[in-house]
Amino acid sequence: MTDSTVPTARLGDDGPEVGVQGLGCMGMSFAYGPTDTDASRATLERALELGVTLYDTADAYGAGENERFLAPFFGAHREEVVVATKFALSIPPDEPTRRIIRNDAPYIREAVEASLRRLDLDVIDLYYMHRRDVNVPIEETVGVMADLVREGKVKHLGLSEVTGEELWAAQAVHPIAAVQSEWSLFSRDIEAGVVPAARELGVALVPYSPLGRGFLTGSFADADQDLTQDDFRRQQPRFTGDNAAANAALLAPVRTVAEAHGATLGQIALAWVQQQARVHALPVIPIPGTRKPNRVEENTGATRIVLTQDELSLLEPIADKVAGDRYADMTFTSAGRE
């Protein structure tokens, strides 16, 4: 790799060392409106040049299309990248827009084999439980995942949107390398239980949507007015109507800090997330998503920004003032069960 600018951190006590900022790949084929495959491929290559080595996908992103899209890139750079994918959101064949949470053993085994085929890999580096089915004991689910490690199909295990208590229960069955949850200037609910548990257990935090799904960058102000009909963000309460207007006003202190650093709003939002590694004393590897090479350059630049205590204090009140939940149904998140 050349022009590497990103320092590294380890996923868990025994996990792989990766760039301290990863890349969320969902939007390259799913959820955020029209895509440009050529630009996305160029984005993947540029990210690797800059030292980004953790690439995040899931079987539910585009019903497997995201994994298929990424396969050639992973194959060309297998020794340089850490591949993370997920299971748990089953898609009924006759209802392609519906998701059913499944954590049962037969489904997990079916899902891992399908992901391996689509990714064209012999082994998945980091395999996440995407969402928690509360009807299946988490010890049982992680037990099946542990079997996949012993069978050589998976190297390391991860969990997404689990509570601190659930993380403790999972770790008692098999080491967990990473917990993925939403964490940003707008979403800080995981700091109550998940972050302390991860710190004590030696588990890395992998924040998704660290840019508030783009809202924190100022790229849109109202999902209904600014985004296409097929954009997932139109379904999220905090990005529409009165909520969107109220939340747009919360960006004022982010702009103030950005001006002081000669940075963009997105860079300050990312710098805040990156700096939580020091604040909470645990590895933090955010996975901002983008489909443009210049945005990867901008995002990785945030790893070089250090916010002062005064700036952190200025940004501190934002999350408590956010209007609207991050999902219409919060029962599928850790916050909905804490």
C-alpha atoms as a PDB file:
ATOM      1  CA  MET A   1       0.000   0.000   0.000  1.00  0.00           C
ATOM      2  CA  THR A   2       1.101   3.569  -0.640  1.00  0.00           C
ATOM      3  CA  ASP A   3       0.160   6.905   0.852  1.00  0.00           C
ATOM      4  CA  SER A   4      -0.976   5.178   4.042  1.00  0.00           C
ATOM      5  CA  THR A   5      -2.315   7.732   6.513  1.00  0.00           C
ATOM      6  CA  VAL A   6      -4.398   5.690   8.923  1.00  0.00           C
ATOM      7  CA  PRO A   7      -2.961   4.320  12.186  1.00  0.00           C
ATOM      8  CA  THR A   8      -4.009   0.876  13.360  1.00  0.00           C
ATOM      9  CA  ALA A   9      -5.893  -0.727  16.247  1.00  0.00           C
ATOM     10  CA  ARG A  10      -6.717  -4.297  17.214  1.00  0.00           C
ATOM     11  CA  LEU A  11     -10.166  -5.884  17.091  1.00  0.00           C
ATOM     12  CA  GLY A  12     -10.412  -7.450  20.521  1.00  0.00           C
ATOM     13  CA  ASP A  13      -7.591  -8.997  22.503  1.00  0.00           C
ATOM     14  CA  ASP A  14      -6.825 -11.644  19.880  1.00  0.00           C
ATOM     15  CA  GLY A  15      -8.389 -10.179  16.743  1.00  0.00           C
ATOM     16  CA  PRO A  16      -6.716  -8.749  13.647  1.00  0.00           C
ATOM     17  CA  GLU A  17      -4.975  -5.404  13.533  1.00  0.00           C
ATOM     18  CA  VAL A  18      -6.819  -3.040  11.199  1.00  0.00           C
ATOM     19  CA  GLY A  19      -6.797   0.571  10.140  1.00  0.00           C
ATOM     20  CA  VAL A  20      -8.339   2.675  12.893  1.00  0.00           C
ATOM     21  CA  GLN A  21     -11.041   3.663  10.420  1.00  0.00           C
ATOM     22  CA  GLY A  22     -12.876   1.082   8.316  1.00  0.00           C
ATOM     23  CA  LEU A  23     -15.266   1.367   5.396  1.00  0.00           C
ATOM     24  CA  GLY A  24     -18.986   0.638   5.485  1.00  0.00           C
ATOM     25  CA  CYS A  25     -19.908  -0.774   2.082  1.00  0.00           C
ATOM     26  CA  MET A  26     -23.710  -1.061   2.363  1.00  0.00           C
ATOM     27  CA  GLY A  27     -24.471   2.056   0.328  1.00  0.00           C
ATOM     28  CA  MET A  28     -22.520   0.776  -2.658  1.00  0.00           C
ATOM     29  CA  SER A  29     -25.468  -1.395  -3.611  1.00  0.00           C
ATOM     30  CA  PHE A  30     -28.269  -0.774  -1.129  1.00  0.00           C
ATOM     31  CA  ALA A  31     -30.360   1.683   0.892  1.00  0.00           C
ATOM     32  CA  TYR A  32     -29.058   5.111  -0.105  1.00  0.00           C
ATOM     33  CA  GLY A  33     -30.500   5.693  -3.561  1.00  0.00           C
ATOM     34  CA  PRO A  34     -28.803   5.374  -6.987  1.00  0.00           C
ATOM     35  CA  THR A  35     -25.311   3.867  -7.062  1.00  0.00           C
ATOM     36  CA  ASP A  36     -22.305   4.160  -9.363  1.00  0.00           C
ATOM     37  CA  THR A  37     -20.401   0.874  -9.491  1.00  0.00           C
ATOM     38  CA  ASP A  38     -17.305   2.363 -11.118  1.00  0.00           C
ATOM     39  CA  ALA A  39     -17.041   5.070  -8.461  1.00  0.00           C
ATOM     40  CA  SER A  40     -17.604   2.486  -5.738  1.00  0.00           C
ATOM     41  CA  ARG A  41     -14.813   0.273  -7.081  1.00  0.00           C
ATOM     42  CA  ALA A  42     -12.496   3.280  -7.188  1.00  0.00           C
ATOM     43  CA  THR A  43     -13.520   4.077  -3.607  1.00  0.00           C
ATOM     44  CA  LEU A  44     -12.545   0.614  -2.420  1.00  0.00           C
ATOM     45  CA  GLU A  45      -9.117   0.888  -4.033  1.00  0.00           C
ATOM     46  CA  ARG A  46      -8.492   4.395  -2.711  1.00  0.00           C
ATOM     47  CA  ALA A  47      -9.487   3.355   0.801  1.00  0.00           C
ATOM     48  CA  LEU A  48      -6.936   0.550   0.753  1.00  0.00           C
ATOM     49  CA  GLU A  49      -4.244   2.935  -0.480  1.00  0.00           C
ATOM     50  CA  LEU A  50      -4.980   5.139   2.530  1.00  0.00           C
ATOM     51  CA  GLY A  51      -4.613   2.291   5.011  1.00  0.00           C
ATOM     52  CA  VAL A  52      -8.267   1.325   5.423  1.00  0.00           C
ATOM     53  CA  THR A  53      -8.271  -2.450   5.841  1.00  0.00           C
ATOM     54  CA  LEU A  54     -11.606  -3.330   7.535  1.00  0.00           C
ATOM     55  CA  TYR A  55     -14.447  -3.645   4.999  1.00  0.00           C
ATOM     56  CA  ASP A  56     -17.973  -4.125   6.309  1.00  0.00           C
ATOM     57  CA  THR A  57     -20.913  -5.749   4.529  1.00  0.00           C
ATOM     58  CA  ALA A  58     -23.858  -8.074   5.336  1.00  0.00           C
ATOM     59  CA  ASP A  59     -25.916 -10.714   3.606  1.00  0.00           C
ATOM     60  CA  ALA A  60     -29.023  -8.527   3.931  1.00  0.00           C
ATOM     61  CA  TYR A  61     -27.542  -5.610   1.976  1.00  0.00           C
ATOM     62  CA  GLY A  62     -29.317  -5.877  -1.332  1.00  0.00           C
ATOM     63  CA  ALA A  63     -30.227  -9.524  -0.621  1.00  0.00           C
ATOM     64  CA  GLY A  64     -26.620 -10.590  -1.093  1.00  0.00           C
ATOM     65  CA  GLU A  65     -25.777  -8.175  -3.899  1.00  0.00           C
ATOM     66  CA  ASN A  66     -23.362  -6.182  -1.756  1.00  0.00           C
ATOM     67  CA  GLU A  67     -21.330  -9.295  -0.952  1.00  0.00           C
ATOM     68  CA  ARG A  68     -21.253 -10.264  -4.646  1.00  0.00           C
ATOM     69  CA  PHE A  69     -20.158  -6.756  -5.615  1.00  0.00           C
ATOM     70  CA  LEU A  70     -17.286  -6.787  -3.123  1.00  0.00           C
ATOM     71  CA  ALA A  71     -16.011 -10.275  -3.976  1.00  0.00           C
ATOM     72  CA  PRO A  72     -13.631  -9.294  -6.816  1.00  0.00           C
ATOM     73  CA  PHE A  73     -12.017  -6.591  -4.682  1.00  0.00           C
ATOM     74  CA  PHE A  74     -11.562  -8.960  -1.763  1.00  0.00           C
ATOM     75  CA  GLY A  75     -10.141 -11.622  -4.064  1.00  0.00           C
ATOM     76  CA  ALA A  76      -7.618  -9.214  -5.544  1.00  0.00           C
ATOM     77  CA  HIS A  77      -6.447  -8.009  -2.107  1.00  0.00           C
ATOM     78  CA  ARG A  78      -7.117 -11.011   0.126  1.00  0.00           C
ATOM     79  CA  GLU A  79      -3.944 -10.695   2.202  1.00  0.00           C
ATOM     80  CA  GLU A  80      -4.431  -6.971   2.763  1.00  0.00           C
ATOM     81  CA  VAL A  81      -8.070  -6.755   3.829  1.00  0.00           C
ATOM     82  CA  VAL A  82     -10.172  -7.886   6.780  1.00  0.00           C
ATOM     83  CA  VAL A  83     -13.619  -8.947   5.577  1.00  0.00           C
ATOM     84  CA  ALA A  84     -16.571  -8.465   7.919  1.00  0.00           C
ATOM     85  CA  THR A  85     -20.060  -9.671   7.085  1.00  0.00           C
ATOM     86  CA  LYS A  86     -23.209 -10.497   9.049  1.00  0.00           C
ATOM     87  CA  PHE A  87     -26.165 -12.843   9.391  1.00  0.00           C
ATOM     88  CA  ALA A  88     -29.569 -12.616  11.109  1.00  0.00           C
ATOM     89  CA  LEU A  89     -31.835 -10.609   8.776  1.00  0.00           C
ATOM     90  CA  SER A  90     -33.601 -13.264   6.742  1.00  0.00           C
ATOM     91  CA  ILE A  91     -35.404 -12.115   3.589  1.00  0.00           C
ATOM     92  CA  PRO A  92     -38.586 -14.044   2.649  1.00  0.00           C
ATOM     93  CA  PRO A  93     -38.438 -14.929  -1.090  1.00  0.00           C
ATOM     94  CA  ASP A  94     -41.953 -13.610  -1.696  1.00  0.00           C
ATOM     95  CA  GLU A  95     -41.421 -10.404   0.355  1.00  0.00           C
ATOM     96  CA  PRO A  96     -38.065  -8.887  -0.681  1.00  0.00           C
ATOM     97  CA  THR A  97     -38.542  -5.735   1.397  1.00  0.00           C
ATOM     98  CA  ARG A  98     -39.229  -7.600   4.635  1.00  0.00           C
ATOM     99  CA  ARG A  99     -36.629  -8.715   7.185  1.00  0.00           C
ATOM    100  CA  ILE A 100     -37.103 -11.488   9.747  1.00  0.00           C
ATOM    101  CA  ILE A 101     -34.579 -11.775  12.573  1.00  0.00           C
ATOM    102  CA  ARG A 102     -33.231 -15.305  12.907  1.00  0.00           C
ATOM    103  CA  ASN A 103     -30.505 -16.527  15.269  1.00  0.00           C
ATOM    104  CA  ASP A 104     -31.272 -20.258  15.134  1.00  0.00           C
ATOM    105  CA  ALA A 105     -28.602 -22.832  14.289  1.00  0.00           C
ATOM    106  CA  PRO A 106     -29.997 -24.070  10.940  1.00  0.00           C
ATOM    107  CA  TYR A 107     -30.311 -20.533   9.642  1.00  0.00           C
ATOM    108  CA  ILE A 108     -26.817 -19.516  10.788  1.00  0.00           C
ATOM    109  CA  ARG A 109     -25.261 -22.494   9.011  1.00  0.00           C
ATOM    110  CA  GLU A 110     -27.220 -21.763   5.853  1.00  0.00           C
ATOM    111  CA  ALA A 111     -26.278 -18.079   6.027  1.00  0.00           C
ATOM    112  CA  VAL A 112     -22.530 -18.589   6.460  1.00  0.00           C
ATOM    113  CA  GLU A 113     -22.338 -20.989   3.520  1.00  0.00           C
ATOM    114  CA  ALA A 114     -24.260 -18.548   1.324  1.00  0.00           C
ATOM    115  CA  SER A 115     -22.007 -15.649   2.324  1.00  0.00           C
ATOM    116  CA  LEU A 116     -18.864 -17.677   1.648  1.00  0.00           C
ATOM    117  CA  ARG A 117     -20.176 -18.474  -1.852  1.00  0.00           C
ATOM    118  CA  ARG A 118     -21.119 -14.901  -2.655  1.00  0.00           C
ATOM    119  CA  LEU A 119     -17.858 -13.509  -1.294  1.00  0.00           C
ATOM    120  CA  ASP A 120     -15.891 -16.288  -3.024  1.00  0.00           C
ATOM    121  CA  LEU A 121     -13.887 -16.862   0.165  1.00  0.00           C
ATOM    122  CA  ASP A 122     -12.747 -19.911   2.113  1.00  0.00           C
ATOM    123  CA  VAL A 123     -13.077 -18.128   5.445  1.00  0.00           C
ATOM    124  CA  ILE A 124     -14.725 -14.949   6.787  1.00  0.00           C
ATOM    125  CA  ASP A 125     -12.433 -12.806   8.928  1.00  0.00           C
ATOM    126  CA  LEU A 126     -15.124 -11.300  11.182  1.00  0.00           C
ATOM    127  CA  TYR A 127     -18.649 -12.726  11.333  1.00  0.00           C
ATOM    128  CA  TYR A 128     -21.331 -10.690  13.096  1.00  0.00           C
ATOM    129  CA  MET A 129     -24.739 -11.512  14.470  1.00  0.00           C
ATOM    130  CA  HIS A 130     -26.512  -8.577  12.806  1.00  0.00           C
ATOM    131  CA  ARG A 131     -29.506  -8.361  15.148  1.00  0.00           C
ATOM    132  CA  ARG A 132     -30.613 -10.228  18.258  1.00  0.00           C
ATOM    133  CA  ASP A 133     -33.561 -12.625  18.278  1.00  0.00           C
ATOM    134  CA  VAL A 134     -34.616 -12.475  21.932  1.00  0.00           C
ATOM    135  CA  ASN A 135     -36.410 -15.820  21.578  1.00  0.00           C
ATOM    136  CA  VAL A 136     -33.084 -17.614  21.119  1.00  0.00           C
ATOM    137  CA  PRO A 137     -30.618 -17.574  24.060  1.00  0.00           C
ATOM    138  CA  ILE A 138     -27.569 -15.615  23.009  1.00  0.00           C
ATOM    139  CA  GLU A 139     -25.377 -18.352  24.475  1.00  0.00           C
ATOM    140  CA  GLU A 140     -26.936 -20.753  21.976  1.00  0.00           C
ATOM    141  CA  THR A 141     -26.361 -18.422  19.035  1.00  0.00           C
ATOM    142  CA  VAL A 142     -22.754 -17.700  19.961  1.00  0.00           C
ATOM    143  CA  GLY A 143     -22.223 -21.412  20.529  1.00  0.00           C
ATOM    144  CA  VAL A 144     -23.121 -22.079  16.885  1.00  0.00           C
ATOM    145  CA  MET A 145     -20.878 -19.196  15.790  1.00  0.00           C
ATOM    146  CA  ALA A 146     -18.043 -20.682  17.858  1.00  0.00           C
ATOM    147  CA  ASP A 147     -18.518 -23.955  15.999  1.00  0.00           C
ATOM    148  CA  LEU A 148     -17.957 -22.066  12.746  1.00  0.00           C
ATOM    149  CA  VAL A 149     -14.612 -20.859  14.103  1.00  0.00           C
ATOM    150  CA  ARG A 150     -13.595 -24.385  15.050  1.00  0.00           C
ATOM    151  CA  GLU A 151     -14.614 -25.589  11.590  1.00  0.00           C
ATOM    152  CA  GLY A 152     -12.431 -22.966   9.904  1.00  0.00           C
ATOM    153  CA  LYS A 153     -15.266 -21.072   8.230  1.00  0.00           C
ATOM    154  CA  VAL A 154     -14.901 -17.985  10.409  1.00  0.00           C
ATOM    155  CA  LYS A 155     -11.859 -16.469  12.145  1.00  0.00           C
ATOM    156  CA  HIS A 156     -13.372 -14.023  14.645  1.00  0.00           C
ATOM    157  CA  LEU A 157     -16.815 -13.275  16.054  1.00  0.00           C
ATOM    158  CA  GLY A 158     -18.737 -10.033  16.336  1.00  0.00           C
ATOM    159  CA  LEU A 159     -22.127  -8.890  17.609  1.00  0.00           C
ATOM    160  CA  SER A 160     -24.258  -5.963  16.494  1.00  0.00           C
ATOM    161  CA  GLU A 161     -26.752  -3.980  18.585  1.00  0.00           C
ATOM    162  CA  VAL A 162     -26.401  -6.058  21.744  1.00  0.00           C
ATOM    163  CA  THR A 163     -26.722  -4.812  25.305  1.00  0.00           C
ATOM    164  CA  GLY A 164     -23.891  -4.832  27.799  1.00  0.00           C
ATOM    165  CA  GLU A 165     -25.490  -7.782  29.584  1.00  0.00           C
ATOM    166  CA  GLU A 166     -25.809  -9.712  26.319  1.00  0.00           C
ATOM    167  CA  LEU A 167     -22.156  -9.025  25.543  1.00  0.00           C
ATOM    168  CA  TRP A 168     -21.113 -10.477  28.894  1.00  0.00           C
ATOM    169  CA  ALA A 169     -23.199 -13.592  28.254  1.00  0.00           C
ATOM    170  CA  ALA A 170     -21.730 -14.012  24.766  1.00  0.00           C
ATOM    171  CA  GLN A 171     -18.136 -13.550  25.911  1.00  0.00           C
ATOM    172  CA  ALA A 172     -18.611 -16.362  28.432  1.00  0.00           C
ATOM    173  CA  VAL A 173     -19.161 -18.730  25.482  1.00  0.00           C
ATOM    174  CA  HIS A 174     -16.492 -17.523  23.048  1.00  0.00           C
ATOM    175  CA  PRO A 175     -14.230 -14.459  22.717  1.00  0.00           C
ATOM    176  CA  ILE A 176     -15.942 -11.582  20.917  1.00  0.00           C
ATOM    177  CA  ALA A 177     -13.647  -9.393  18.837  1.00  0.00           C
ATOM    178  CA  ALA A 178     -16.006  -6.509  18.094  1.00  0.00           C
ATOM    179  CA  VAL A 179     -19.388  -5.006  18.868  1.00  0.00           C
ATOM    180  CA  GLN A 180     -20.991  -2.946  16.148  1.00  0.00           C
ATOM    181  CA  SER A 181     -23.528  -0.300  17.153  1.00  0.00           C
ATOM    182  CA  GLU A 182     -24.578   3.138  16.042  1.00  0.00           C
ATOM    183  CA  TRP A 183     -22.396   5.746  17.764  1.00  0.00           C
ATOM    184  CA  SER A 184     -22.108   9.380  16.773  1.00  0.00           C
ATOM    185  CA  LEU A 185     -22.662  12.927  17.984  1.00  0.00           C
ATOM    186  CA  PHE A 186     -26.377  12.180  17.502  1.00  0.00           C
ATOM    187  CA  SER A 187     -26.479   8.632  18.954  1.00  0.00           C
ATOM    188  CA  ARG A 188     -24.793   7.934  22.281  1.00  0.00           C
ATOM    189  CA  ASP A 189     -27.091   5.441  24.022  1.00  0.00           C
ATOM    190  CA  ILE A 190     -24.433   2.697  23.974  1.00  0.00           C
ATOM    191  CA  GLU A 191     -22.276   4.640  26.415  1.00  0.00           C
ATOM    192  CA  ALA A 192     -24.485   3.605  29.336  1.00  0.00           C
ATOM    193  CA  GLY A 193     -23.972  -0.159  29.192  1.00  0.00           C
ATOM    194  CA  VAL A 194     -22.337  -1.437  26.018  1.00  0.00           C
ATOM    195  CA  VAL A 195     -19.185   0.664  26.076  1.00  0.00           C
ATOM    196  CA  PRO A 196     -18.280  -0.125  29.723  1.00  0.00           C
ATOM    197  CA  ALA A 197     -18.854  -3.840  29.091  1.00  0.00           C
ATOM    198  CA  ALA A 198     -16.712  -3.778  25.944  1.00  0.00           C
ATOM    199  CA  ARG A 199     -13.906  -1.951  27.755  1.00  0.00           C
ATOM    200  CA  GLU A 200     -13.866  -4.443  30.621  1.00  0.00           C
ATOM    201  CA  LEU A 201     -14.013  -7.457  28.300  1.00  0.00           C
ATOM    202  CA  GLY A 202     -11.379  -6.222  25.836  1.00  0.00           C
ATOM    203  CA  VAL A 203     -13.829  -5.934  22.939  1.00  0.00           C
ATOM    204  CA  ALA A 204     -13.438  -3.319  20.201  1.00  0.00           C
ATOM    205  CA  LEU A 205     -16.278  -0.947  19.316  1.00  0.00           C
ATOM    206  CA  VAL A 206     -17.095  -0.594  15.618  1.00  0.00           C
ATOM    207  CA  PRO A 207     -19.460   2.383  15.276  1.00  0.00           C
ATOM    208  CA  TYR A 208     -21.718   2.333  12.243  1.00  0.00           C
ATOM    209  CA  SER A 209     -23.348   5.521  10.941  1.00  0.00           C
ATOM    210  CA  PRO A 210     -20.709   7.688  12.681  1.00  0.00           C
ATOM    211  CA  LEU A 211     -21.763  10.510  10.348  1.00  0.00           C
ATOM    212  CA  GLY A 212     -25.419  10.224  11.327  1.00  0.00           C
ATOM    213  CA  ARG A 213     -26.165   8.634   7.933  1.00  0.00           C
ATOM    214  CA  GLY A 214     -24.812  11.780   6.285  1.00  0.00           C
ATOM    215  CA  PHE A 215     -26.903  14.250   8.272  1.00  0.00           C
ATOM    216  CA  LEU A 216     -23.910  15.341  10.341  1.00  0.00           C
ATOM    217  CA  THR A 217     -22.046  16.295   7.166  1.00  0.00           C
ATOM    218  CA  GLY A 218     -24.751  18.762   6.165  1.00  0.00           C
ATOM    219  CA  SER A 219     -25.249  16.900   2.875  1.00  0.00           C
ATOM    220  CA  PHE A 220     -29.021  16.875   3.403  1.00  0.00           C
ATOM    221  CA  ALA A 221     -31.358  18.667   5.782  1.00  0.00           C
ATOM    222  CA  ASP A 222     -34.694  16.901   5.264  1.00  0.00           C
ATOM    223  CA  ALA A 223     -34.926  13.359   3.901  1.00  0.00           C
ATOM    224  CA  ASP A 224     -38.393  13.895   2.400  1.00  0.00           C
ATOM    225  CA  GLN A 225     -37.267  16.928   0.430  1.00  0.00           C
ATOM    226  CA  ASP A 226     -33.633  16.139  -0.348  1.00  0.00           C
ATOM    227  CA  LEU A 227     -33.441  12.370  -0.937  1.00  0.00           C
ATOM    228  CA  THR A 228     -34.847  10.004  -3.548  1.00  0.00           C
ATOM    229  CA  GLN A 229     -37.940   7.908  -2.921  1.00  0.00           C
ATOM    230  CA  ASP A 230     -35.926   4.696  -2.517  1.00  0.00           C
ATOM    231  CA  ASP A 231     -33.596   6.149   0.133  1.00  0.00           C
ATOM    232  CA  PHE A 232     -33.804   4.284   3.452  1.00  0.00           C
ATOM    233  CA  ARG A 233     -33.296   7.477   5.451  1.00  0.00           C
ATOM    234  CA  ARG A 234     -36.812   8.656   4.575  1.00  0.00           C
ATOM    235  CA  GLN A 235     -38.036   5.990   7.034  1.00  0.00           C
ATOM    236  CA  GLN A 236     -35.975   7.258   9.971  1.00  0.00           C
ATOM    237  CA  PRO A 237     -37.810   9.649  12.302  1.00  0.00           C
ATOM    238  CA  ARG A 238     -34.998  12.064  13.019  1.00  0.00           C
ATOM    239  CA  PHE A 239     -34.461  12.987   9.363  1.00  0.00           C
ATOM    240  CA  THR A 240     -37.926  14.193   8.379  1.00  0.00           C
ATOM    241  CA  GLY A 241     -40.374  16.980   9.189  1.00  0.00           C
ATOM    242  CA  ASP A 242     -40.049  18.985  12.387  1.00  0.00           C
ATOM    243  CA  ASN A 243     -37.432  16.566  13.717  1.00  0.00           C
ATOM    244  CA  ALA A 244     -35.143  17.252  10.764  1.00  0.00           C
ATOM    245  CA  ALA A 245     -35.478  21.008  11.185  1.00  0.00           C
ATOM    246  CA  ALA A 246     -34.712  20.807  14.896  1.00  0.00           C
ATOM    247  CA  ASN A 247     -31.732  18.530  14.334  1.00  0.00           C
ATOM    248  CA  ALA A 248     -30.264  20.675  11.563  1.00  0.00           C
ATOM    249  CA  ALA A 249     -29.986  23.498  14.086  1.00  0.00           C
ATOM    250  CA  LEU A 250     -27.828  21.259  16.294  1.00  0.00           C
ATOM    251  CA  LEU A 251     -25.022  21.371  13.729  1.00  0.00           C
ATOM    252  CA  ALA A 252     -24.056  24.934  14.711  1.00  0.00           C
ATOM    253  CA  PRO A 253     -21.362  23.926  17.244  1.00  0.00           C
ATOM    254  CA  VAL A 254     -20.012  21.336  14.796  1.00  0.00           C
ATOM    255  CA  ARG A 255     -19.571  24.151  12.267  1.00  0.00           C
ATOM    256  CA  THR A 256     -17.790  26.267  14.871  1.00  0.00           C
ATOM    257  CA  VAL A 257     -15.273  23.508  15.603  1.00  0.00           C
ATOM    258  CA  ALA A 258     -14.864  22.714  11.911  1.00  0.00           C
ATOM    259  CA  GLU A 259     -13.981  26.324  11.134  1.00  0.00           C
ATOM    260  CA  ALA A 260     -11.367  26.327  13.891  1.00  0.00           C
ATOM    261  CA  HIS A 261      -9.663  23.289  12.346  1.00  0.00           C
ATOM    262  CA  GLY A 262     -10.161  24.223   8.700  1.00  0.00           C
ATOM    263  CA  ALA A 263     -12.087  20.960   8.429  1.00  0.00           C
ATOM    264  CA  THR A 264     -15.469  19.786   7.176  1.00  0.00           C
ATOM    265  CA  LEU A 265     -18.444  19.015   9.394  1.00  0.00           C
ATOM    266  CA  GLY A 266     -18.031  15.338   8.598  1.00  0.00           C
ATOM    267  CA  GLN A 267     -14.400  15.363   9.661  1.00  0.00           C
ATOM    268  CA  ILE A 268     -15.282  16.841  13.036  1.00  0.00           C
ATOM    269  CA  ALA A 269     -18.083  14.309  13.535  1.00  0.00           C
ATOM    270  CA  LEU A 270     -15.663  11.487  12.711  1.00  0.00           C
ATOM    271  CA  ALA A 271     -12.857  12.967  14.821  1.00  0.00           C
ATOM    272  CA  TRP A 272     -15.260  13.003  17.785  1.00  0.00           C
ATOM    273  CA  VAL A 273     -16.019   9.292  17.305  1.00  0.00           C
ATOM    274  CA  GLN A 274     -12.346   8.401  16.818  1.00  0.00           C
ATOM    275  CA  GLN A 275     -11.459  10.305  19.980  1.00  0.00           C
ATOM    276  CA  GLN A 276     -13.874   8.211  22.049  1.00  0.00           C
ATOM    277  CA  ALA A 277     -11.130   5.586  22.026  1.00  0.00           C
ATOM    278  CA  ARG A 278      -9.176   7.806  24.402  1.00  0.00           C
ATOM    279  CA  VAL A 279     -12.208   9.046  26.314  1.00  0.00           C
ATOM    280  CA  HIS A 280     -13.418   5.498  27.073  1.00  0.00           C
ATOM    281  CA  ALA A 281     -10.091   3.629  26.911  1.00  0.00           C
ATOM    282  CA  LEU A 282     -10.969   0.998  24.321  1.00  0.00           C
ATOM    283  CA  PRO A 283     -10.364   0.427  20.590  1.00  0.00           C
ATOM    284  CA  VAL A 284     -12.846   2.341  18.423  1.00  0.00           C
ATOM    285  CA  ILE A 285     -12.899   1.656  14.663  1.00  0.00           C
ATOM    286  CA  PRO A 286     -15.744   3.561  12.969  1.00  0.00           C
ATOM    287  CA  ILE A 287     -16.944   2.426   9.545  1.00  0.00           C
ATOM    288  CA  PRO A 288     -18.246   5.496   7.701  1.00  0.00           C
ATOM    289  CA  GLY A 289     -19.841   4.591   4.406  1.00  0.00           C
ATOM    290  CA  THR A 290     -19.195   6.332   1.123  1.00  0.00           C
ATOM    291  CA  ARG A 291     -19.180   5.651  -2.602  1.00  0.00           C
ATOM    292  CA  LYS A 292     -16.717   8.378  -3.608  1.00  0.00           C
ATOM    293  CA  PRO A 293     -12.888   8.304  -3.462  1.00  0.00           C
ATOM    294  CA  ASN A 294     -12.658  11.955  -2.429  1.00  0.00           C
ATOM    295  CA  ARG A 295     -14.936  11.260   0.535  1.00  0.00           C
ATOM    296  CA  VAL A 296     -12.649   8.447   1.710  1.00  0.00           C
ATOM    297  CA  GLU A 297      -9.767  10.912   1.573  1.00  0.00           C
ATOM    298  CA  GLU A 298     -11.832  13.391   3.601  1.00  0.00           C
ATOM    299  CA  ASN A 299     -12.943  10.767   6.115  1.00  0.00           C
ATOM    300  CA  THR A 300      -9.488   9.339   6.753  1.00  0.00           C
ATOM    301  CA  GLY A 301      -8.215  12.865   7.239  1.00  0.00           C
ATOM    302  CA  ALA A 302     -10.333  12.955  10.386  1.00  0.00           C
ATOM    303  CA  THR A 303      -7.967  10.475  12.047  1.00  0.00           C
ATOM    304  CA  ARG A 304      -5.392  13.287  12.232  1.00  0.00           C
ATOM    305  CA  ILE A 305      -7.689  15.777  13.982  1.00  0.00           C
ATOM    306  CA  VAL A 306      -7.440  16.036  17.765  1.00  0.00           C
ATOM    307  CA  LEU A 307     -10.231  17.932  19.484  1.00  0.00           C
ATOM    308  CA  THR A 308      -9.465  20.024  22.548  1.00  0.00           C
ATOM    309  CA  GLN A 309     -11.298  19.548  25.825  1.00  0.00           C
ATOM    310  CA  ASP A 310     -13.128  22.826  25.212  1.00  0.00           C
ATOM    311  CA  GLU A 311     -14.240  21.558  21.804  1.00  0.00           C
ATOM    312  CA  LEU A 312     -15.391  18.249  23.256  1.00  0.00           C
ATOM    313  CA  SER A 313     -17.367  20.195  25.855  1.00  0.00           C
ATOM    314  CA  LEU A 314     -18.971  22.304  23.128  1.00  0.00           C
ATOM    315  CA  LEU A 315     -20.113  19.166  21.296  1.00  0.00           C
ATOM    316  CA  GLU A 316     -21.178  17.288  24.432  1.00  0.00           C
ATOM    317  CA  PRO A 317     -24.800  18.543  24.695  1.00  0.00           C
ATOM    318  CA  ILE A 318     -25.795  17.704  21.112  1.00  0.00           C
ATOM    319  CA  ALA A 319     -26.992  14.120  21.575  1.00  0.00           C
ATOM    320  CA  ASP A 320     -29.395  14.963  24.401  1.00  0.00           C
ATOM    321  CA  LYS A 321     -31.151  17.496  22.153  1.00  0.00           C
ATOM    322  CA  VAL A 322     -31.690  15.245  19.127  1.00  0.00           C
ATOM    323  CA  ALA A 323     -35.343  14.944  18.079  1.00  0.00           C
ATOM    324  CA  GLY A 324     -36.600  11.527  16.989  1.00  0.00           C
ATOM    325  CA  ASP A 325     -35.285   7.998  17.409  1.00  0.00           C
ATOM    326  CA  ARG A 326     -32.654   6.518  15.117  1.00  0.00           C
ATOM    327  CA  TYR A 327     -35.144   3.863  13.951  1.00  0.00           C
ATOM    328  CA  ALA A 328     -38.929   3.840  13.763  1.00  0.00           C
ATOM    329  CA  ASP A 329     -38.823   0.594  15.757  1.00  0.00           C
ATOM    330  CA  MET A 330     -36.158   0.671  18.448  1.00  0.00           C
ATOM    331  CA  THR A 331     -36.907  -2.816  19.809  1.00  0.00           C
ATOM    332  CA  PHE A 332     -34.293  -4.227  17.438  1.00  0.00           C
ATOM    333  CA  THR A 333     -31.522  -2.096  18.966  1.00  0.00           C
ATOM    334  CA  SER A 334     -29.571  -2.443  22.184  1.00  0.00           C
ATOM    335  CA  ALA A 335     -31.222   0.743  23.460  1.00  0.00           C
ATOM    336  CA  GLY A 336     -34.617  -0.895  23.054  1.00  0.00           C
ATOM    337  CA  ARG A 337     -33.595  -3.653  25.491  1.00  0.00           C
ATOM    338  CA  GLU A 338     -31.367  -1.863  28.007  1.00  0.00           C
END
